Amino acid sequence: MKITPTEEQALLAQSVTRFLADRYGDDARRASEAMPDGFDRNVWTAIADLGWLGAAVGEAAGGFGGPREMAIVAEGVGSAMMAEPVIP
C-alpha cells in the first residue's frame, strides 16, 4: 500500500529535514546530551516554535496533525537521534 503525502505533509517533512540538517548534527546532539537536563532547551523551544509538538494533535484540540504528521516528525527525530523530548 502506497500512502501519498498531502502537500502539507510534504512541507512538514521538508521542514524537519532542513532544520535537522542545518541545526542538529553530531556536535549539536552531543552538546544537547551534555546539558544538565540531557537536552538543549533552546533547541526544544525552536522545535516547539516550528509546531512539531502539535503534530500528533488534531486541529480541534489546538494542534495541526494526526498519526501521519507525528510519524513524519518521529522519523526525522529518530534519524537524527535527537536528545530533545519531542515524542513524549
Protein backbone atom coordinates (compact mmCIF):
# COMPACT_ATOMS: atom_id res chain seq x y z
CA MET A 1 0.00 0.00 0.00
CA LYS A 2 1.40 3.35 -1.00
CA ILE A 3 0.48 6.42 1.01
CA THR A 4 0.95 9.66 -0.86
CA PRO A 5 1.62 12.61 1.45
CA THR A 6 -0.51 15.70 1.18
CA GLU A 7 1.17 18.97 0.25
CA GLU A 8 1.17 19.99 3.91
CA GLN A 9 2.76 16.70 4.96
CA ALA A 10 5.45 17.08 2.30
CA LEU A 11 6.19 20.60 3.55
CA LEU A 12 6.40 19.32 7.12
CA ALA A 13 8.88 16.63 6.05
CA GLN A 14 10.97 19.23 4.22
CA SER A 15 10.91 21.49 7.28
CA VAL A 16 12.02 18.69 9.59
CA THR A 17 14.79 17.61 7.22
CA ARG A 18 16.03 21.18 6.72
CA PHE A 19 16.05 22.02 10.45
CA LEU A 20 17.93 18.86 11.35
CA ALA A 21 20.45 19.33 8.54
CA ASP A 22 21.06 22.97 9.46
CA ARG A 23 20.96 22.81 13.24
CA TYR A 24 21.32 19.27 14.53
CA GLY A 25 24.45 17.45 13.52
CA ASP A 26 26.56 15.16 15.67
CA ASP A 27 28.20 18.04 17.56
CA ALA A 28 24.84 19.63 18.38
CA ARG A 29 23.47 16.29 19.60
CA ARG A 30 26.49 15.73 21.85
CA ALA A 31 26.16 19.27 23.22
CA SER A 32 22.46 18.69 23.90
CA GLU A 33 23.15 15.45 25.71
CA ALA A 34 25.80 17.20 27.85
CA MET A 35 23.31 19.79 29.11
CA PRO A 36 22.18 19.41 32.74
CA ASP A 37 18.70 18.26 31.65
CA GLY A 38 20.08 15.95 28.97
CA PHE A 39 18.75 18.15 26.17
CA ASP A 40 19.10 21.71 24.91
CA ARG A 41 16.12 23.85 25.92
CA ASN A 42 16.91 26.32 23.10
CA VAL A 43 16.62 23.56 20.50
CA TRP A 44 13.45 22.30 22.17
CA THR A 45 11.99 25.83 22.05
CA ALA A 46 12.91 26.10 18.36
CA ILE A 47 11.12 22.86 17.51
CA ALA A 48 8.13 23.95 19.58
CA ASP A 49 8.07 27.21 17.62
CA LEU A 50 8.09 25.17 14.40
CA GLY A 51 4.96 23.40 15.65
CA TRP A 52 6.38 19.90 15.88
CA LEU A 53 4.89 19.40 19.32
CA GLY A 54 1.39 19.75 17.83
CA ALA A 55 1.98 17.16 15.13
CA ALA A 56 0.08 14.41 16.93
CA VAL A 57 -2.80 16.63 17.99
CA GLY A 58 -5.82 17.26 15.80
CA GLU A 59 -6.91 20.78 14.87
CA ALA A 60 -9.97 20.60 17.14
CA ALA A 61 -7.61 20.26 20.12
CA GLY A 62 -5.21 23.02 19.05
CA GLY A 63 -2.73 21.01 17.01
CA PHE A 64 -2.33 20.54 13.29
CA GLY A 65 -1.92 16.87 12.63
CA GLY A 66 -2.52 13.30 13.49
CA PRO A 67 -0.73 9.97 13.24
CA ARG A 68 0.83 10.64 9.82
CA GLU A 69 2.18 14.05 10.78
CA MET A 70 3.60 12.65 14.02
CA ALA A 71 5.20 9.82 12.04
CA ILE A 72 6.90 12.39 9.79
CA VAL A 73 8.33 14.23 12.81
CA ALA A 74 9.26 10.98 14.58
CA GLU A 75 11.10 9.70 11.52
CA GLY A 76 13.23 12.83 11.35
CA VAL A 77 13.85 12.97 15.10
CA GLY A 78 14.82 9.30 15.12
CA SER A 79 17.15 9.61 12.17
CA ALA A 80 18.95 12.47 13.91
CA MET A 81 18.95 10.62 17.26
CA MET A 82 17.64 13.84 18.76
CA ALA A 83 18.04 14.18 22.53
CA GLU A 84 15.21 16.68 22.93
CA PRO A 85 11.90 15.21 24.23
CA VAL A 86 9.80 15.58 21.11
CA ILE A 87 7.93 12.28 21.24
CA PRO A 88 6.98 12.24 24.94
